[in-house]
Protein backbone atom coordinates (compact mmCIF):
# COMPACT_ATOMS: atom_id res chain seq x y z
CA MET A 1 -37.88 39.36 -70.49
CA PRO A 2 -37.19 35.68 -71.39
CA LEU A 3 -39.77 34.12 -73.68
CA TYR A 4 -40.41 31.13 -71.12
CA GLN A 5 -41.02 33.67 -68.43
CA ALA A 6 -43.56 35.54 -70.77
CA ILE A 7 -45.50 32.29 -71.30
CA VAL A 8 -45.34 31.24 -67.72
CA LEU A 9 -46.97 34.50 -66.70
CA ALA A 10 -49.44 34.58 -69.41
CA ILE A 11 -50.95 31.21 -68.29
CA VAL A 12 -50.83 32.20 -64.73
CA GLN A 13 -52.77 35.27 -65.68
CA ALA A 14 -55.37 33.38 -67.86
CA ILE A 15 -55.92 30.80 -65.17
CA THR A 16 -56.33 33.22 -62.24
CA GLU A 17 -58.23 36.02 -64.07
CA PHE A 18 -61.26 33.90 -64.33
CA LEU A 19 -61.05 31.47 -61.51
CA PRO A 20 -62.04 32.87 -58.28
CA ILE A 21 -58.52 32.76 -56.73
CA SER A 22 -57.18 36.37 -57.40
CA SER A 23 -54.79 37.06 -60.43
CA THR A 24 -53.25 40.09 -58.66
CA ALA A 25 -52.06 37.90 -55.85
CA HIS A 26 -50.47 35.25 -58.16
CA LEU A 27 -48.79 37.85 -60.55
CA ILE A 28 -47.26 39.29 -57.39
CA LEU A 29 -46.24 36.00 -55.72
CA VAL A 30 -44.93 33.89 -58.87
CA PRO A 31 -42.33 36.38 -59.86
CA CYS A 32 -41.36 36.85 -56.14
CA LEU A 33 -41.02 33.13 -55.48
CA LEU A 34 -39.27 32.47 -58.78
CA LYS A 35 -36.80 35.58 -58.34
CA TRP A 36 -37.98 37.20 -61.58
CA GLN A 37 -38.24 40.82 -62.04
CA HIS A 38 -41.47 42.53 -62.36
CA ALA A 39 -43.02 42.05 -65.83
CA GLY A 40 -43.63 45.82 -66.24
CA LEU A 41 -46.22 48.02 -67.79
CA THR A 42 -45.79 46.77 -71.32
CA PHE A 43 -46.42 43.03 -70.53
CA ASP A 44 -49.46 43.99 -68.42
CA VAL A 45 -51.08 45.21 -71.64
CA ALA A 46 -50.33 41.94 -73.50
CA LEU A 47 -52.04 39.88 -70.48
CA HIS A 48 -55.02 42.17 -70.54
CA ALA A 49 -55.35 42.11 -74.23
CA GLY A 50 -55.05 38.32 -74.46
CA THR A 51 -57.84 37.76 -71.65
CA LEU A 52 -59.99 40.29 -73.28
CA VAL A 53 -59.92 38.53 -76.73
CA ALA A 54 -60.79 35.33 -74.90
CA VAL A 55 -63.82 36.87 -73.28
CA LEU A 56 -64.96 38.37 -76.66
CA VAL A 57 -64.59 35.37 -78.67
CA TYR A 58 -66.20 32.77 -76.13
CA PHE A 59 -69.35 34.95 -75.66
CA TRP A 60 -69.57 36.32 -79.13
CA ARG A 61 -73.20 35.26 -79.67
CA GLU A 62 -74.10 37.44 -76.57
CA TRP A 63 -72.15 40.22 -77.50
CA LEU A 64 -73.62 40.13 -81.04
CA ALA A 65 -77.00 39.79 -79.88
CA MET A 66 -76.62 42.84 -77.26
CA GLY A 67 -74.82 45.15 -80.06
CA ASN A 68 -77.81 44.06 -82.35
CA ALA A 69 -80.46 44.88 -79.71
CA LEU A 70 -78.79 48.18 -78.97
CA ILE A 71 -79.06 49.39 -82.70
CA GLY A 72 -82.70 47.84 -83.00
CA ARG A 73 -81.67 44.87 -85.01
CA PRO A 74 -82.15 42.03 -82.89
CA LEU A 75 -81.08 38.34 -83.98
CA THR A 76 -84.58 37.21 -82.68
CA ASN A 77 -87.34 39.50 -81.62
CA PRO A 78 -88.18 37.57 -78.50
CA GLY A 79 -84.78 38.39 -77.07
CA LEU A 80 -84.84 41.95 -77.76
CA GLY A 81 -85.81 43.09 -74.20
CA TYR A 82 -83.57 40.74 -72.51
CA ASP A 83 -80.48 41.40 -74.63
CA ARG A 84 -81.08 45.33 -73.94
CA ARG A 85 -81.44 44.84 -70.21
CA LEU A 86 -78.43 42.60 -70.03
CA LEU A 87 -76.32 45.23 -71.77
CA ALA A 88 -77.64 47.99 -69.47
CA TYR A 89 -77.00 45.87 -66.51
CA LEU A 90 -73.31 45.34 -67.52
CA VAL A 91 -72.84 49.08 -67.97
CA LEU A 92 -74.44 50.04 -64.67
CA ALA A 93 -72.43 47.27 -62.94
CA THR A 94 -69.09 48.49 -64.25
CA ILE A 95 -69.51 52.05 -63.08
CA PRO A 96 -68.83 51.58 -59.33
CA GLY A 97 -65.56 49.58 -60.10
CA GLY A 98 -64.49 52.38 -62.61
CA LEU A 99 -64.90 55.04 -60.38
CA THR A 100 -63.29 53.43 -57.35
CA GLY A 101 -60.39 52.70 -59.65
CA PHE A 102 -59.97 56.11 -60.92
CA LEU A 103 -60.23 57.62 -57.29
CA LEU A 104 -57.98 55.12 -55.66
CA GLU A 105 -55.50 53.82 -58.07
CA ASP A 106 -52.39 55.37 -56.25
CA VAL A 107 -53.67 53.78 -52.94
CA VAL A 108 -54.29 50.47 -54.43
CA GLU A 109 -51.00 50.27 -56.25
CA ASN A 110 -48.78 51.78 -53.45
CA VAL A 111 -50.35 51.03 -50.29
CA LEU A 112 -52.47 47.88 -50.39
CA ARG A 113 -49.91 45.54 -52.24
CA SER A 114 -48.66 43.81 -49.18
CA PRO A 115 -48.68 40.31 -48.00
CA LEU A 116 -50.97 41.24 -44.94
CA VAL A 117 -53.67 42.69 -47.10
CA ILE A 118 -53.30 39.93 -49.90
CA GLY A 119 -53.52 37.03 -47.35
CA VAL A 120 -56.41 38.52 -45.30
CA ALA A 121 -58.27 39.12 -48.51
CA LEU A 122 -57.77 35.65 -49.76
CA ILE A 123 -59.10 34.17 -46.56
CA VAL A 124 -62.00 36.73 -46.14
CA VAL A 125 -63.34 36.10 -49.51
CA ALA A 126 -63.05 32.30 -49.11
CA VAL A 127 -65.29 32.35 -46.09
CA LEU A 128 -67.70 34.75 -48.03
CA MET A 129 -67.87 32.29 -51.00
CA GLY A 130 -68.49 29.33 -48.50
CA VAL A 131 -71.37 31.35 -46.95
CA GLY A 132 -72.73 32.14 -50.48
CA GLU A 133 -72.56 28.32 -51.31
CA LYS A 134 -74.46 27.63 -48.19
CA LEU A 135 -77.17 30.21 -48.33
CA SER A 136 -77.62 30.43 -52.05
CA LEU A 137 -80.94 28.97 -53.40
CA HIS A 138 -79.09 28.37 -56.87
CA LEU A 139 -82.39 28.92 -58.56
CA ARG A 140 -82.11 32.09 -60.87
CA SER A 141 -80.60 32.07 -64.43
CA ILE A 142 -78.75 35.06 -66.11
CA SER A 143 -81.78 35.95 -67.87
CA GLU A 144 -83.64 36.48 -64.38
CA VAL A 145 -80.79 39.14 -63.32
CA ARG A 146 -82.63 42.42 -62.30
CA LEU A 147 -81.29 46.03 -61.77
CA ARG A 148 -80.57 45.32 -58.01
CA ASP A 149 -78.59 42.33 -58.80
CA ALA A 150 -76.42 44.52 -61.33
CA LEU A 151 -75.96 47.28 -58.69
CA VAL A 152 -75.10 44.84 -55.94
CA ILE A 153 -72.65 42.76 -58.09
CA GLY A 154 -71.07 46.16 -59.48
CA LEU A 155 -70.41 47.19 -55.87
CA ALA A 156 -69.03 44.03 -55.22
CA GLN A 157 -66.65 44.30 -58.16
CA ALA A 158 -65.34 47.73 -56.74
CA VAL A 159 -64.06 45.89 -53.69
CA ALA A 160 -61.91 43.63 -56.04
CA LEU A 161 -59.50 46.57 -56.38
CA ILE A 162 -58.10 45.33 -53.02
CA PRO A 163 -55.24 42.70 -53.92
CA GLY A 164 -56.09 39.31 -53.05
CA VAL A 165 -60.01 39.72 -53.37
CA SER A 166 -60.41 38.37 -56.92
CA ARG A 167 -62.70 40.21 -59.42
CA SER A 168 -64.35 36.93 -60.28
CA GLY A 169 -64.39 35.73 -56.87
CA ILE A 170 -66.27 38.55 -55.09
CA THR A 171 -68.75 39.00 -58.18
CA MET A 172 -69.49 35.25 -58.29
CA THR A 173 -70.01 35.38 -54.43
CA ALA A 174 -72.35 38.25 -54.61
CA ALA A 175 -74.28 36.60 -57.35
CA LEU A 176 -74.49 33.47 -55.21
CA LEU A 177 -75.92 35.39 -52.31
CA LEU A 178 -78.52 37.04 -54.71
CA GLY A 179 -79.79 33.44 -55.62
CA LEU A 180 -78.21 32.89 -58.96
CA THR A 181 -76.96 29.38 -60.01
CA ARG A 182 -73.22 28.93 -59.91
CA THR A 183 -73.07 29.00 -63.93
CA ALA A 184 -75.23 31.90 -64.20
CA ALA A 185 -73.06 33.68 -61.30
CA ALA A 186 -69.96 32.74 -63.63
CA ARG A 187 -71.50 33.75 -67.03
CA PHE A 188 -72.54 37.32 -65.65
CA SER A 189 -69.06 37.69 -63.99
CA PHE A 190 -67.32 36.79 -67.30
CA LEU A 191 -69.39 39.17 -69.30
CA LEU A 192 -68.78 41.97 -66.70
CA SER A 193 -65.03 41.41 -66.91
CA ALA A 194 -64.89 42.65 -70.51
CA PRO A 195 -65.29 46.19 -69.96
CA VAL A 196 -63.16 46.25 -66.80
CA ILE A 197 -60.30 44.38 -68.68
CA ALA A 198 -60.77 46.51 -71.77
CA GLY A 199 -60.53 49.71 -69.61
CA ALA A 200 -57.15 48.66 -68.15
CA ALA A 201 -55.72 47.42 -71.41
CA LEU A 202 -56.57 50.89 -72.95
CA LYS A 203 -55.21 52.82 -70.00
CA LYS A 204 -52.00 51.11 -69.91
CA GLY A 205 -51.80 50.79 -73.71
CA TRP A 206 -51.88 54.44 -74.14
CA ASP A 207 -48.85 54.79 -71.80
CA VAL A 208 -47.04 52.08 -73.89
CA TRP A 209 -48.06 53.88 -77.03
CA ARG A 210 -46.47 57.11 -75.92
CA THR A 211 -43.24 55.69 -74.91
CA GLY A 212 -43.20 52.94 -77.77
CA LEU A 213 -42.80 49.16 -77.47
CA PRO A 214 -39.13 48.27 -76.76
CA GLU A 215 -37.67 45.87 -79.59
CA ASP A 216 -36.67 43.10 -76.97
CA MET A 217 -40.42 43.11 -75.94
CA ILE A 218 -41.83 42.42 -79.09
CA LEU A 219 -41.60 38.60 -79.02
CA PRO A 220 -42.67 38.25 -75.35
CA PHE A 221 -45.58 40.68 -75.98
CA VAL A 222 -46.99 38.84 -78.89
CA ALA A 223 -46.39 35.44 -77.17
CA GLY A 224 -48.00 36.64 -73.91
CA THR A 225 -50.92 38.03 -75.69
CA ALA A 226 -51.61 34.69 -77.78
CA VAL A 227 -50.96 32.31 -74.79
CA ALA A 228 -53.08 34.34 -72.37
CA GLY A 229 -55.88 34.50 -74.87
CA LEU A 230 -55.80 30.87 -75.72
CA ALA A 231 -55.40 29.68 -72.03
CA ALA A 232 -58.15 32.06 -70.92
CA TYR A 233 -60.70 30.69 -73.49
CA LEU A 234 -60.01 27.27 -72.31
CA VAL A 235 -60.27 28.10 -68.65
CA ILE A 236 -63.79 29.78 -69.15
CA ALA A 237 -64.98 26.79 -71.10
CA TRP A 238 -63.67 24.57 -68.44
CA LEU A 239 -65.13 26.45 -65.43
CA LEU A 240 -68.55 26.72 -66.90
CA ARG A 241 -68.75 22.95 -67.44
CA TYR A 242 -67.49 22.32 -63.93
CA LEU A 243 -69.82 24.45 -62.24
CA ALA A 244 -72.77 22.92 -63.84
CA SER A 245 -72.31 19.83 -61.74
CA ASN A 246 -69.89 20.92 -58.98
CA THR A 247 -69.49 23.60 -56.22
CA PHE A 248 -67.14 26.15 -55.36
CA LYS A 249 -65.62 24.18 -52.58
CA ILE A 250 -62.10 23.34 -54.09
CA PHE A 251 -61.61 27.06 -54.99
CA ILE A 252 -62.46 27.87 -51.17
CA VAL A 253 -60.00 25.45 -49.84
CA TYR A 254 -57.43 26.77 -52.33
CA ARG A 255 -57.93 30.37 -51.10
CA LEU A 256 -57.63 29.53 -47.57
CA ALA A 257 -54.46 27.57 -48.01
CA LEU A 258 -53.11 30.13 -50.15
CA GLY A 259 -54.02 32.88 -47.83
CA VAL A 260 -52.27 31.24 -44.97
CA ILE A 261 -49.14 30.71 -46.99
CA VAL A 262 -49.02 34.31 -47.99
CA LEU A 263 -49.35 35.57 -44.28
CA ALA A 264 -46.57 33.18 -43.37
CA LEU A 265 -44.26 34.35 -46.09
CA GLY A 266 -44.97 37.92 -45.31
CA TRP A 267 -44.38 37.39 -41.64
CA GLY A 268 -41.09 35.57 -42.52
CA LEU A 269 -40.01 38.53 -44.84
CA ARG A 270 -40.58 40.97 -42.06
CA HIS A 271 -38.43 39.09 -39.50
CA ASP A 272 -35.44 38.16 -41.96
């Protein structure tokens, strides 16, 4: 893989993993439109590793507080109950997606990766996001997340296995419909991404470990990890600031436009 391709794909991954616009759709479309070969399993590990580091570093205070609460050494006693609850909710919300991914991995990889599925998913979730914006009270903070909220958001995350849905997009939409503020929806979604990304990185990383890292992939792997991590950190910081005073409208419009483009491209390919 040429180094410039590794850098471009790392930036695409970082931006689309956390913005509610579907990383899967973009990582399929960009190489296709630019006539690049598929990056392959090895580079997927680099992208996941980079974005995981970004989430861990950006939210290091939250992770440290939850870790200390888990072992009974809270950083501040008043937050002990909240930190434990948040950690428990993140674990519970991860289970539906983990089970669904384990059971339906072959279907997702071999059946659902089509322009029709991706285009329709982009449009449907855009509509749902618009409904969430319209109906949400935008009142509840992340400290007010309850068990029911975690389970609903976790079930929504399982749907994100469908290419084009967007893990961040569907979880933020579910959080909006539950009455969370936009920033609370984004923060919970970002925290929830850590175990999902870690699981994917470990699974794919084990396969790479067994086969070995090709010598000509060392530089793209390192560059991809570093660029994805830095870009993802900046994207997380930007989106949280943006949502403090703006709506999801720009992402809704983008998803609708991209969905139409994907469907048009898919129709064109079928009739070439």
